[in-house]
Full PDB file with SEQRES, HELIX, SHEET, SSBOND, CRYST1, ORIGX, SCALE, CONECT and MASTER records, all heavy atoms in Angstrom:
SEQRES   1 A   43  PRO GLY GLU GLU LEU ARG THR GLU ILE SER ALA LYS PHE          
SEQRES   2 A   43  ARG ARG GLU SER LEU THR ALA GLU LEU GLN ALA ALA GLY          
SEQRES   3 A   43  PHE ALA CYS ALA GLY TRP TRP THR ASP ASP GLU SER LEU          
SEQRES   4 A   43  PHE SER LEU SER                                              
HELIX    1 AA1 ARG A   15  ALA A   25  1                                  11    
SHEET    1 AA1 2 TRP A  33  THR A  34  0                                        
SHEET    2 AA1 2 SER A  41  LEU A  42 -1                                        
CRYST1    1.000    1.000    1.000  90.00  90.00  90.00 P 1           1          
ORIGX1      1.000000  0.000000  0.000000        0.00000                         
ORIGX2      0.000000  1.000000  0.000000        0.00000                         
ORIGX3      0.000000  0.000000  1.000000        0.00000                         
SCALE1      1.000000  0.000000  0.000000        0.00000                         
SCALE2      0.000000  1.000000  0.000000        0.00000                         
SCALE3      0.000000  0.000000  1.000000        0.00000                         
ATOM      1  N   PRO A   1       0.839  -1.208   0.000  1.00  0.00           N  
ATOM      2  CA  PRO A   1       0.000   0.000   0.000  1.00  0.00           C  
ATOM      3  C   PRO A   1       0.873   1.257   0.000  1.00  0.00           C  
ATOM      4  O   PRO A   1       1.798   1.380   0.808  1.00  0.00           O  
ATOM      5  CB  PRO A   1      -0.802  -0.117   1.296  1.00  0.00           C  
ATOM      6  CG  PRO A   1      -0.818  -1.585   1.598  1.00  0.00           C  
ATOM      7  CD  PRO A   1       0.498  -2.119   1.113  1.00  0.00           C  
ATOM      8  N   GLY A   2       0.593   2.156  -0.928  1.00  0.00           N  
ATOM      9  CA  GLY A   2       1.364   3.390  -1.031  1.00  0.00           C  
ATOM     10  C   GLY A   2       2.634   3.284  -1.849  1.00  0.00           C  
ATOM     11  O   GLY A   2       3.291   4.296  -2.126  1.00  0.00           O  
ATOM     12  N   GLU A   3       3.021   2.060  -2.251  1.00  0.00           N  
ATOM     13  CA  GLU A   3       4.236   1.907  -3.068  1.00  0.00           C  
ATOM     14  C   GLU A   3       4.001   2.492  -4.455  1.00  0.00           C  
ATOM     15  O   GLU A   3       2.898   2.417  -5.000  1.00  0.00           O  
ATOM     16  CB  GLU A   3       4.624   0.433  -3.173  1.00  0.00           C  
ATOM     17  CG  GLU A   3       5.957   0.223  -3.874  1.00  0.00           C  
ATOM     18  CD  GLU A   3       6.390  -1.231  -3.931  1.00  0.00           C  
ATOM     19  OE1 GLU A   3       5.656  -2.099  -3.390  1.00  0.00           O  
ATOM     20  OE2 GLU A   3       7.448  -1.507  -4.521  1.00  0.00           O  
ATOM     21  N   GLU A   4       5.061   3.046  -5.042  1.00  0.00           N  
ATOM     22  CA  GLU A   4       4.915   3.784  -6.296  1.00  0.00           C  
ATOM     23  C   GLU A   4       5.737   3.170  -7.423  1.00  0.00           C  
ATOM     24  O   GLU A   4       6.812   2.587  -7.202  1.00  0.00           O  
ATOM     25  CB  GLU A   4       5.333   5.242  -6.095  1.00  0.00           C  
ATOM     26  CG  GLU A   4       4.404   5.978  -5.128  1.00  0.00           C  
ATOM     27  CD  GLU A   4       4.864   7.372  -4.820  1.00  0.00           C  
ATOM     28  OE1 GLU A   4       6.078   7.644  -4.950  1.00  0.00           O  
ATOM     29  OE2 GLU A   4       4.022   8.208  -4.429  1.00  0.00           O  
ATOM     30  N   LEU A   5       5.206   3.315  -8.618  1.00  0.00           N  
ATOM     31  CA  LEU A   5       5.892   2.971  -9.857  1.00  0.00           C  
ATOM     32  C   LEU A   5       6.192   4.279 -10.575  1.00  0.00           C  
ATOM     33  O   LEU A   5       5.271   5.012 -10.952  1.00  0.00           O  
ATOM     34  CB  LEU A   5       5.000   2.083 -10.733  1.00  0.00           C  
ATOM     35  CG  LEU A   5       5.456   1.828 -12.172  1.00  0.00           C  
ATOM     36  CD1 LEU A   5       6.724   0.985 -12.198  1.00  0.00           C  
ATOM     37  CD2 LEU A   5       4.338   1.138 -12.974  1.00  0.00           C  
ATOM     38  N   ARG A   6       7.469   4.612 -10.765  1.00  0.00           N  
ATOM     39  CA  ARG A   6       7.816   5.832 -11.478  1.00  0.00           C  
ATOM     40  C   ARG A   6       7.695   5.588 -12.987  1.00  0.00           C  
ATOM     41  O   ARG A   6       8.311   4.662 -13.514  1.00  0.00           O  
ATOM     42  CB  ARG A   6       9.243   6.276 -11.142  1.00  0.00           C  
ATOM     43  CG  ARG A   6       9.563   7.678 -11.654  1.00  0.00           C  
ATOM     44  CD  ARG A   6      10.977   8.092 -11.318  1.00  0.00           C  
ATOM     45  NE  ARG A   6      11.937   7.464 -12.211  1.00  0.00           N  
ATOM     46  CZ  ARG A   6      13.247   7.657 -12.141  1.00  0.00           C  
ATOM     47  NH1 ARG A   6      13.747   8.429 -11.192  1.00  0.00           N  
ATOM     48  NH2 ARG A   6      14.058   7.061 -12.993  1.00  0.00           N  
ATOM     49  N   THR A   7       6.932   6.421 -13.655  1.00  0.00           N  
ATOM     50  CA  THR A   7       6.692   6.236 -15.079  1.00  0.00           C  
ATOM     51  C   THR A   7       7.367   7.298 -15.942  1.00  0.00           C  
ATOM     52  O   THR A   7       7.455   7.131 -17.160  1.00  0.00           O  
ATOM     53  CB  THR A   7       5.179   6.254 -15.371  1.00  0.00           C  
ATOM     54  OG1 THR A   7       4.599   7.435 -14.798  1.00  0.00           O  
ATOM     55  CG2 THR A   7       4.503   5.023 -14.774  1.00  0.00           C  
ATOM     56  N   GLU A   8       7.827   8.392 -15.336  1.00  0.00           N  
ATOM     57  CA  GLU A   8       8.514   9.420 -16.129  1.00  0.00           C  
ATOM     58  C   GLU A   8       9.258  10.366 -15.203  1.00  0.00           C  
ATOM     59  O   GLU A   8       8.796  10.682 -14.115  1.00  0.00           O  
ATOM     60  CB  GLU A   8       7.509  10.224 -16.956  1.00  0.00           C  
ATOM     61  CG  GLU A   8       8.170  11.290 -17.852  1.00  0.00           C  
ATOM     62  CD  GLU A   8       7.150  12.094 -18.651  1.00  0.00           C  
ATOM     63  OE1 GLU A   8       6.272  12.732 -18.031  1.00  0.00           O  
ATOM     64  OE2 GLU A   8       7.240  12.081 -19.882  1.00  0.00           O  
ATOM     65  N   ILE A   9      10.430  10.802 -15.669  1.00  0.00           N  
ATOM     66  CA  ILE A   9      11.019  12.020 -15.121  1.00  0.00           C  
ATOM     67  C   ILE A   9      10.986  13.058 -16.233  1.00  0.00           C  
ATOM     68  O   ILE A   9      11.043  12.736 -17.417  1.00  0.00           O  
ATOM     69  CB  ILE A   9      12.463  11.820 -14.612  1.00  0.00           C  
ATOM     70  CG1 ILE A   9      13.422  11.562 -15.773  1.00  0.00           C  
ATOM     71  CG2 ILE A   9      12.535  10.740 -13.570  1.00  0.00           C  
ATOM     72  CD1 ILE A   9      14.864  11.802 -15.419  1.00  0.00           C  
ATOM     73  N   SER A  10      10.855  14.308 -15.843  1.00  0.00           N  
ATOM     74  CA  SER A  10      10.924  15.403 -16.802  1.00  0.00           C  
ATOM     75  C   SER A  10      11.796  16.494 -16.185  1.00  0.00           C  
ATOM     76  O   SER A  10      11.324  17.323 -15.412  1.00  0.00           O  
ATOM     77  CB  SER A  10       9.526  15.935 -17.132  1.00  0.00           C  
ATOM     78  OG  SER A  10       9.592  16.930 -18.137  1.00  0.00           O  
ATOM     79  N   ALA A  11      13.088  16.443 -16.519  1.00  0.00           N  
ATOM     80  CA  ALA A  11      14.050  17.378 -15.946  1.00  0.00           C  
ATOM     81  C   ALA A  11      13.822  18.778 -16.505  1.00  0.00           C  
ATOM     82  O   ALA A  11      13.454  18.958 -17.668  1.00  0.00           O  
ATOM     83  CB  ALA A  11      15.472  16.918 -16.244  1.00  0.00           C  
ATOM     84  N   LYS A  12      14.037  19.760 -15.656  1.00  0.00           N  
ATOM     85  CA  LYS A  12      13.963  21.162 -16.032  1.00  0.00           C  
ATOM     86  C   LYS A  12      15.369  21.752 -15.923  1.00  0.00           C  
ATOM     87  O   LYS A  12      16.184  21.307 -15.111  1.00  0.00           O  
ATOM     88  CB  LYS A  12      12.983  21.925 -15.136  1.00  0.00           C  
ATOM     89  CG  LYS A  12      11.621  21.224 -15.009  1.00  0.00           C  
ATOM     90  CD  LYS A  12      10.956  20.976 -16.344  1.00  0.00           C  
ATOM     91  CE  LYS A  12       9.730  20.097 -16.231  1.00  0.00           C  
ATOM     92  NZ  LYS A  12       9.168  19.719 -17.536  1.00  0.00           N  
ATOM     93  N   PHE A  13      15.665  22.750 -16.725  1.00  0.00           N  
ATOM     94  CA  PHE A  13      17.044  23.189 -16.890  1.00  0.00           C  
ATOM     95  C   PHE A  13      17.205  24.678 -16.603  1.00  0.00           C  
ATOM     96  O   PHE A  13      16.262  25.459 -16.709  1.00  0.00           O  
ATOM     97  CB  PHE A  13      17.520  22.891 -18.317  1.00  0.00           C  
ATOM     98  CG  PHE A  13      17.510  21.433 -18.660  1.00  0.00           C  
ATOM     99  CD1 PHE A  13      16.387  20.840 -19.226  1.00  0.00           C  
ATOM    100  CD2 PHE A  13      18.610  20.632 -18.389  1.00  0.00           C  
ATOM    101  CE1 PHE A  13      16.362  19.486 -19.532  1.00  0.00           C  
ATOM    102  CE2 PHE A  13      18.593  19.275 -18.684  1.00  0.00           C  
ATOM    103  CZ  PHE A  13      17.476  18.701 -19.260  1.00  0.00           C  
ATOM    104  N   ARG A  14      18.412  25.035 -16.247  1.00  0.00           N  
ATOM    105  CA  ARG A  14      18.853  26.422 -16.156  1.00  0.00           C  
ATOM    106  C   ARG A  14      19.852  26.657 -17.286  1.00  0.00           C  
ATOM    107  O   ARG A  14      20.590  25.744 -17.666  1.00  0.00           O  
ATOM    108  CB  ARG A  14      19.503  26.709 -14.804  1.00  0.00           C  
ATOM    109  CG  ARG A  14      18.556  26.456 -13.625  1.00  0.00           C  
ATOM    110  CD  ARG A  14      19.239  26.706 -12.301  1.00  0.00           C  
ATOM    111  NE  ARG A  14      18.368  26.313 -11.189  1.00  0.00           N  
ATOM    112  CZ  ARG A  14      17.496  27.120 -10.618  1.00  0.00           C  
ATOM    113  NH1 ARG A  14      17.387  28.379 -11.031  1.00  0.00           N  
ATOM    114  NH2 ARG A  14      16.745  26.693  -9.614  1.00  0.00           N  
ATOM    115  N   ARG A  15      19.883  27.862 -17.809  1.00  0.00           N  
ATOM    116  CA  ARG A  15      20.749  28.117 -18.957  1.00  0.00           C  
ATOM    117  C   ARG A  15      22.208  27.772 -18.652  1.00  0.00           C  
ATOM    118  O   ARG A  15      22.903  27.170 -19.490  1.00  0.00           O  
ATOM    119  CB  ARG A  15      20.623  29.582 -19.400  1.00  0.00           C  
ATOM    120  CG  ARG A  15      21.463  29.895 -20.629  1.00  0.00           C  
ATOM    121  CD  ARG A  15      21.185  31.279 -21.185  1.00  0.00           C  
ATOM    122  NE  ARG A  15      21.967  31.510 -22.388  1.00  0.00           N  
ATOM    123  CZ  ARG A  15      21.859  32.588 -23.166  1.00  0.00           C  
ATOM    124  NH1 ARG A  15      20.975  33.534 -22.853  1.00  0.00           N  
ATOM    125  NH2 ARG A  15      22.606  32.725 -24.239  1.00  0.00           N  
ATOM    126  N   GLU A  16      22.666  28.121 -17.475  1.00  0.00           N  
ATOM    127  CA  GLU A  16      24.069  27.899 -17.138  1.00  0.00           C  
ATOM    128  C   GLU A  16      24.409  26.411 -17.106  1.00  0.00           C  
ATOM    129  O   GLU A  16      25.442  25.984 -17.648  1.00  0.00           O  
ATOM    130  CB  GLU A  16      24.400  28.539 -15.789  1.00  0.00           C  
ATOM    131  CG  GLU A  16      24.251  30.055 -15.759  1.00  0.00           C  
ATOM    132  CD  GLU A  16      22.786  30.504 -15.641  1.00  0.00           C  
ATOM    133  OE1 GLU A  16      21.907  29.654 -15.401  1.00  0.00           O  
ATOM    134  OE2 GLU A  16      22.535  31.719 -15.790  1.00  0.00           O  
ATOM    135  N   SER A  17      23.567  25.610 -16.461  1.00  0.00           N  
ATOM    136  CA  SER A  17      23.864  24.175 -16.350  1.00  0.00           C  
ATOM    137  C   SER A  17      23.708  23.473 -17.696  1.00  0.00           C  
ATOM    138  O   SER A  17      24.485  22.569 -18.033  1.00  0.00           O  
ATOM    139  CB  SER A  17      22.962  23.530 -15.297  1.00  0.00           C  
ATOM    140  OG  SER A  17      21.587  23.691 -15.627  1.00  0.00           O  
ATOM    141  N   LEU A  18      22.719  23.883 -18.484  1.00  0.00           N  
ATOM    142  CA  LEU A  18      22.545  23.278 -19.802  1.00  0.00           C  
ATOM    143  C   LEU A  18      23.740  23.612 -20.696  1.00  0.00           C  
ATOM    144  O   LEU A  18      24.249  22.748 -21.426  1.00  0.00           O  
ATOM    145  CB  LEU A  18      21.245  23.759 -20.434  1.00  0.00           C  
ATOM    146  CG  LEU A  18      20.806  23.026 -21.702  1.00  0.00           C  
ATOM    147  CD1 LEU A  18      20.522  21.558 -21.411  1.00  0.00           C  
ATOM    148  CD2 LEU A  18      19.578  23.693 -22.313  1.00  0.00           C  
ATOM    149  N   THR A  19      24.212  24.848 -20.624  1.00  0.00           N  
ATOM    150  CA  THR A  19      25.385  25.242 -21.401  1.00  0.00           C  
ATOM    151  C   THR A  19      26.596  24.401 -21.009  1.00  0.00           C  
ATOM    152  O   THR A  19      27.354  23.934 -21.883  1.00  0.00           O  
ATOM    153  CB  THR A  19      25.691  26.735 -21.185  1.00  0.00           C  
ATOM    154  OG1 THR A  19      24.590  27.511 -21.679  1.00  0.00           O  
ATOM    155  CG2 THR A  19      26.960  27.155 -21.912  1.00  0.00           C  
ATOM    156  N   ALA A  20      26.770  24.156 -19.725  1.00  0.00           N  
ATOM    157  CA  ALA A  20      27.901  23.343 -19.269  1.00  0.00           C  
ATOM    158  C   ALA A  20      27.819  21.926 -19.821  1.00  0.00           C  
ATOM    159  O   ALA A  20      28.835  21.347 -20.244  1.00  0.00           O  
ATOM    160  CB  ALA A  20      27.939  23.327 -17.738  1.00  0.00           C  
ATOM    161  N   GLU A  21      26.607  21.345 -19.863  1.00  0.00           N  
ATOM    162  CA  GLU A  21      26.444  19.990 -20.392  1.00  0.00           C  
ATOM    163  C   GLU A  21      26.765  19.938 -21.880  1.00  0.00           C  
ATOM    164  O   GLU A  21      27.426  19.007 -22.356  1.00  0.00           O  
ATOM    165  CB  GLU A  21      25.021  19.486 -20.138  1.00  0.00           C  
ATOM    166  CG  GLU A  21      24.711  19.203 -18.688  1.00  0.00           C  
ATOM    167  CD  GLU A  21      23.395  18.471 -18.511  1.00  0.00           C  
ATOM    168  OE1 GLU A  21      23.073  17.600 -19.345  1.00  0.00           O  
ATOM    169  OE2 GLU A  21      22.685  18.770 -17.537  1.00  0.00           O  
ATOM    170  N   LEU A  22      26.291  20.932 -22.638  1.00  0.00           N  
ATOM    171  CA  LEU A  22      26.540  20.940 -24.080  1.00  0.00           C  
ATOM    172  C   LEU A  22      28.004  21.220 -24.391  1.00  0.00           C  
ATOM    173  O   LEU A  22      28.587  20.618 -25.304  1.00  0.00           O  
ATOM    174  CB  LEU A  22      25.638  21.972 -24.756  1.00  0.00           C  
ATOM    175  CG  LEU A  22      24.252  21.523 -25.246  1.00  0.00           C  
ATOM    176  CD1 LEU A  22      24.355  20.528 -26.394  1.00  0.00           C  
ATOM    177  CD2 LEU A  22      23.400  20.970 -24.136  1.00  0.00           C  
ATOM    178  N   GLN A  23      28.626  22.094 -23.639  1.00  0.00           N  
ATOM    179  CA  GLN A  23      30.046  22.353 -23.849  1.00  0.00           C  
ATOM    180  C   GLN A  23      30.882  21.118 -23.540  1.00  0.00           C  
ATOM    181  O   GLN A  23      31.852  20.824 -24.245  1.00  0.00           O  
ATOM    182  CB  GLN A  23      30.491  23.544 -22.997  1.00  0.00           C  
ATOM    183  CG  GLN A  23      29.972  24.878 -23.503  1.00  0.00           C  
ATOM    184  CD  GLN A  23      30.374  26.049 -22.622  1.00  0.00           C  
ATOM    185  OE1 GLN A  23      30.739  25.868 -21.449  1.00  0.00           O  
ATOM    186  NE2 GLN A  23      30.304  27.253 -23.163  1.00  0.00           N  
ATOM    187  N   ALA A  24      30.505  20.390 -22.495  1.00  0.00           N  
ATOM    188  CA  ALA A  24      31.229  19.159 -22.154  1.00  0.00           C  
ATOM    189  C   ALA A  24      31.128  18.127 -23.266  1.00  0.00           C  
ATOM    190  O   ALA A  24      32.038  17.309 -23.457  1.00  0.00           O  
ATOM    191  CB  ALA A  24      30.693  18.584 -20.840  1.00  0.00           C  
ATOM    192  N   ALA A  25      30.023  18.173 -24.025  1.00  0.00           N  
ATOM    193  CA  ALA A  25      29.834  17.229 -25.136  1.00  0.00           C  
ATOM    194  C   ALA A  25      30.518  17.698 -26.414  1.00  0.00           C  
ATOM    195  O   ALA A  25      30.554  16.944 -27.395  1.00  0.00           O  
ATOM    196  CB  ALA A  25      28.345  17.034 -25.395  1.00  0.00           C  
ATOM    197  N   GLY A  26      31.039  18.920 -26.434  1.00  0.00           N  
ATOM    198  CA  GLY A  26      31.753  19.397 -27.606  1.00  0.00           C  
ATOM    199  C   GLY A  26      30.991  20.381 -28.464  1.00  0.00           C  
ATOM    200  O   GLY A  26      31.243  20.482 -29.673  1.00  0.00           O  
ATOM    201  N   PHE A  27      30.073  21.149 -27.863  1.00  0.00           N  
ATOM    202  CA  PHE A  27      29.280  22.129 -28.599  1.00  0.00           C  
ATOM    203  C   PHE A  27      29.583  23.546 -28.097  1.00  0.00           C  
ATOM    204  O   PHE A  27      29.932  23.744 -26.930  1.00  0.00           O  
ATOM    205  CB  PHE A  27      27.782  21.861 -28.414  1.00  0.00           C  
ATOM    206  CG  PHE A  27      27.275  20.639 -29.125  1.00  0.00           C  
ATOM    207  CD1 PHE A  27      27.136  19.432 -28.446  1.00  0.00           C  
ATOM    208  CD2 PHE A  27      26.919  20.700 -30.465  1.00  0.00           C  
ATOM    209  CE1 PHE A  27      26.647  18.308 -29.097  1.00  0.00           C  
ATOM    210  CE2 PHE A  27      26.434  19.582 -31.119  1.00  0.00           C  
ATOM    211  CZ  PHE A  27      26.298  18.385 -30.439  1.00  0.00           C  
ATOM    212  N   ALA A  28      29.379  24.508 -29.001  1.00  0.00           N  
ATOM    213  CA  ALA A  28      29.442  25.919 -28.646  1.00  0.00           C  
ATOM    214  C   ALA A  28      28.080  26.545 -28.912  1.00  0.00           C  
ATOM    215  O   ALA A  28      27.431  26.226 -29.923  1.00  0.00           O  
ATOM    216  CB  ALA A  28      30.514  26.631 -29.473  1.00  0.00           C  
ATOM    217  N   CYS A  29      27.630  27.407 -28.021  1.00  0.00           N  
ATOM    218  CA  CYS A  29      26.303  27.996 -28.170  1.00  0.00           C  
ATOM    219  C   CYS A  29      26.278  28.959 -29.349  1.00  0.00           C  
ATOM    220  O   CYS A  29      27.149  29.818 -29.498  1.00  0.00           O  
ATOM    221  CB  CYS A  29      25.894  28.726 -26.891  1.00  0.00           C  
ATOM    222  SG  CYS A  29      24.158  29.249 -26.898  1.00  0.00           S  
ATOM    223  N   ALA A  30      25.240  28.800 -30.203  1.00  0.00           N  
ATOM    224  CA  ALA A  30      25.077  29.662 -31.373  1.00  0.00           C  
ATOM    225  C   ALA A  30      23.753  30.413 -31.353  1.00  0.00           C  
ATOM    226  O   ALA A  30      23.440  31.134 -32.303  1.00  0.00           O  
ATOM    227  CB  ALA A  30      25.182  28.824 -32.654  1.00  0.00           C  
ATOM    228  N   GLY A  31      22.964  30.246 -30.282  1.00  0.00           N  
ATOM    229  CA  GLY A  31      21.696  30.960 -30.194  1.00  0.00           C  
ATOM    230  C   GLY A  31      20.860  30.445 -29.038  1.00  0.00           C  
ATOM    231  O   GLY A  31      20.905  29.250 -28.714  1.00  0.00           O  
ATOM    232  N   TRP A  32      20.116  31.342 -28.420  1.00  0.00           N  
ATOM    233  CA  TRP A  32      19.250  30.982 -27.278  1.00  0.00           C  
ATOM    234  C   TRP A  32      17.979  31.811 -27.375  1.00  0.00           C  
ATOM    235  O   TRP A  32      18.036  33.040 -27.503  1.00  0.00           O  
ATOM    236  CB  TRP A  32      19.979  31.261 -25.968  1.00  0.00           C  
ATOM    237  CG  TRP A  32      19.175  30.976 -24.738  1.00  0.00           C  
ATOM    238  CD1 TRP A  32      18.282  31.799 -24.113  1.00  0.00           C  
ATOM    239  CD2 TRP A  32      19.189  29.764 -23.966  1.00  0.00           C  
ATOM    240  NE1 TRP A  32      17.735  31.185 -23.013  1.00  0.00           N  
ATOM    241  CE2 TRP A  32      18.274  29.934 -22.900  1.00  0.00           C  
ATOM    242  CE3 TRP A  32      19.883  28.562 -24.085  1.00  0.00           C  
ATOM    243  CZ2 TRP A  32      18.046  28.946 -21.949  1.00  0.00           C  
ATOM    244  CZ3 TRP A  32      19.654  27.575 -23.139  1.00  0.00           C  
ATOM    245  CH2 TRP A  32      18.748  27.761 -22.087  1.00  0.00           C  
ATOM    246  N   TRP A  33      16.822  31.141 -27.342  1.00  0.00           N  
ATOM    247  CA  TRP A  33      15.541  31.827 -27.454  1.00  0.00           C  
ATOM    248  C   TRP A  33      14.577  31.272 -26.405  1.00  0.00           C  
ATOM    249  O   TRP A  33      14.621  30.083 -26.076  1.00  0.00           O  
ATOM    250  CB  TRP A  33      14.918  31.617 -28.835  1.00  0.00           C  
ATOM    251  CG  TRP A  33      15.768  32.098 -29.975  1.00  0.00           C  
ATOM    252  CD1 TRP A  33      15.763  33.325 -30.561  1.00  0.00           C  
ATOM    253  CD2 TRP A  33      16.759  31.330 -30.693  1.00  0.00           C  
ATOM    254  NE1 TRP A  33      16.677  33.384 -31.595  1.00  0.00           N  
ATOM    255  CE2 TRP A  33      17.297  32.175 -31.693  1.00  0.00           C  
ATOM    256  CE3 TRP A  33      17.238  30.018 -30.581  1.00  0.00           C  
ATOM    257  CZ2 TRP A  33      18.287  31.755 -32.580  1.00  0.00           C  
ATOM    258  CZ3 TRP A  33      18.232  29.586 -31.450  1.00  0.00           C  
ATOM    259  CH2 TRP A  33      18.753  30.457 -32.427  1.00  0.00           C  
ATOM    260  N   THR A  34      13.695  32.140 -25.909  1.00  0.00           N  
ATOM    261  CA  THR A  34      12.633  31.687 -25.014  1.00  0.00           C  
ATOM    262  C   THR A  34      11.310  32.297 -25.472  1.00  0.00           C  
ATOM    263  O   THR A  34      11.277  33.201 -26.313  1.00  0.00           O  
ATOM    264  CB  THR A  34      12.888  32.098 -23.548  1.00  0.00           C  
ATOM    265  OG1 THR A  34      12.805  33.514 -23.430  1.00  0.00           O  
ATOM    266  CG2 THR A  34      14.240  31.603 -23.064  1.00  0.00           C  
ATOM    267  N   ASP A  35      10.233  31.787 -24.907  1.00  0.00           N  
ATOM    268  CA  ASP A  35       8.908  32.365 -25.136  1.00  0.00           C  
ATOM    269  C   ASP A  35       8.779  33.660 -24.354  1.00  0.00           C  
ATOM    270  O   ASP A  35       9.701  34.066 -23.634  1.00  0.00           O  
ATOM    271  CB  ASP A  35       7.838  31.364 -24.701  1.00  0.00           C  
ATOM    272  CG  ASP A  35       7.980  31.001 -23.226  1.00  0.00           C  
ATOM    273  OD1 ASP A  35       8.887  30.205 -22.889  1.00  0.00           O  
ATOM    274  OD2 ASP A  35       7.220  31.538 -22.406  1.00  0.00           O  
ATOM    275  N   ASP A  36       7.629  34.299 -24.479  1.00  0.00           N  
ATOM    276  CA  ASP A  36       7.420  35.609 -23.846  1.00  0.00           C  
ATOM    277  C   ASP A  36       7.564  35.575 -22.328  1.00  0.00           C  
ATOM    278  O   ASP A  36       7.964  36.563 -21.711  1.00  0.00           O  
ATOM    279  CB  ASP A  36       6.033  36.159 -24.202  1.00  0.00           C  
ATOM    280  CG  ASP A  36       5.921  36.551 -25.667  1.00  0.00           C  
ATOM    281  OD1 ASP A  36       6.976  36.776 -26.296  1.00  0.00           O  
ATOM    282  OD2 ASP A  36       4.780  36.624 -26.171  1.00  0.00           O  
ATOM    283  N   GLU A  37       7.239  34.428 -21.706  1.00  0.00           N  
ATOM    284  CA  GLU A  37       7.292  34.328 -20.244  1.00  0.00           C  
ATOM    285  C   GLU A  37       8.544  33.620 -19.745  1.00  0.00           C  
ATOM    286  O   GLU A  37       8.670  33.371 -18.545  1.00  0.00           O  
ATOM    287  CB  GLU A  37       6.044  33.604 -19.730  1.00  0.00           C  
ATOM    288  CG  GLU A  37       4.740  34.303 -20.051  1.00  0.00           C  
ATOM    289  CD  GLU A  37       3.538  33.506 -19.589  1.00  0.00           C  
ATOM    290  OE1 GLU A  37       3.244  33.537 -18.373  1.00  0.00           O  
ATOM    291  OE2 GLU A  37       2.902  32.848 -20.438  1.00  0.00           O  
ATOM    292  N   SER A  38       9.450  33.267 -20.666  1.00  0.00           N  
ATOM    293  CA  SER A  38      10.699  32.564 -20.312  1.00  0.00           C  
ATOM    294  C   SER A  38      10.432  31.259 -19.572  1.00  0.00           C  
ATOM    295  O   SER A  38      11.137  30.899 -18.623  1.00  0.00           O  
ATOM    296  CB  SER A  38      11.619  33.475 -19.473  1.00  0.00           C  
ATOM    297  OG  SER A  38      12.015  34.594 -20.224  1.00  0.00           O  
ATOM    298  N   LEU A  39       9.414  30.538 -20.029  1.00  0.00           N  
ATOM    299  CA  LEU A  39       9.087  29.232 -19.450  1.00  0.00           C  
ATOM    300  C   LEU A  39       9.850  28.099 -20.136  1.00  0.00           C  
ATOM    301  O   LEU A  39      10.136  27.074 -19.506  1.00  0.00           O  
ATOM    302  CB  LEU A  39       7.579  28.967 -19.575  1.00  0.00           C  
ATOM    303  CG  LEU A  39       6.645  29.955 -18.879  1.00  0.00           C  
ATOM    304  CD1 LEU A  39       5.189  29.591 -19.151  1.00  0.00           C  
ATOM    305  CD2 LEU A  39       6.909  29.997 -17.377  1.00  0.00           C  
ATOM    306  N   PHE A  40      10.171  28.280 -21.412  1.00  0.00           N  
ATOM    307  CA  PHE A  40      10.725  27.202 -22.238  1.00  0.00           C  
ATOM    308  C   PHE A  40      11.841  27.781 -23.098  1.00  0.00           C  
ATOM    309  O   PHE A  40      11.843  28.979 -23.399  1.00  0.00           O  
ATOM    310  CB  PHE A  40       9.616  26.620 -23.130  1.00  0.00           C  
ATOM    311  CG  PHE A  40       9.934  25.295 -23.746  1.00  0.00           C  
ATOM    312  CD1 PHE A  40       9.582  24.116 -23.105  1.00  0.00           C  
ATOM    313  CD2 PHE A  40      10.598  25.213 -24.969  1.00  0.00           C  
ATOM    314  CE1 PHE A  40       9.881  22.879 -23.668  1.00  0.00           C  
ATOM    315  CE2 PHE A  40      10.900  23.989 -25.533  1.00  0.00           C  
ATOM    316  CZ  PHE A  40      10.541  22.817 -24.882  1.00  0.00           C  
ATOM    317  N   SER A  41      12.788  26.921 -23.494  1.00  0.00           N  
ATOM    318  CA  SER A  41      13.911  27.399 -24.299  1.00  0.00           C  
ATOM    319  C   SER A  41      14.087  26.570 -25.563  1.00  0.00           C  
ATOM    320  O   SER A  41      13.814  25.370 -25.585  1.00  0.00           O  
ATOM    321  CB  SER A  41      15.208  27.346 -23.490  1.00  0.00           C  
ATOM    322  OG  SER A  41      15.626  26.000 -23.305  1.00  0.00           O  
ATOM    323  N   LEU A  42      14.541  27.240 -26.602  1.00  0.00           N  
ATOM    324  CA  LEU A  42      15.135  26.601 -27.770  1.00  0.00           C  
ATOM    325  C   LEU A  42      16.554  27.127 -27.866  1.00  0.00           C  
ATOM    326  O   LEU A  42      16.774  28.349 -27.776  1.00  0.00           O  
ATOM    327  CB  LEU A  42      14.383  26.957 -29.057  1.00  0.00           C  
ATOM    328  CG  LEU A  42      13.290  26.036 -29.561  1.00  0.00           C  
ATOM    329  CD1 LEU A  42      12.775  26.525 -30.910  1.00  0.00           C  
ATOM    330  CD2 LEU A  42      13.750  24.593 -29.678  1.00  0.00           C  
ATOM    331  N   SER A  43      17.510  26.250 -28.014  1.00  0.00           N  
ATOM    332  CA  SER A  43      18.898  26.692 -28.111  1.00  0.00           C  
ATOM    333  C   SER A  43      19.575  26.010 -29.285  1.00  0.00           C  
ATOM    334  O   SER A  43      19.292  24.864 -29.610  1.00  0.00           O  
ATOM    335  CB  SER A  43      19.660  26.420 -26.810  1.00  0.00           C  
ATOM    336  OG  SER A  43      19.517  25.071 -26.402  1.00  0.00           O  
TER     337      SER A  43                                                      
MASTER        0    0    0    1    2    0    0    6  336    1    0    4          
END                                                                             
């Protein structure tokens, strides 16, 4: 009773930490955009 089955994680990101992950993989940032409320990003 009360035991859980995890069916999804949905990680949320900060620009600084996401940039660090992409740079570690061998990428350089070429553009960053958000919606009007800065809820979501395209980079």
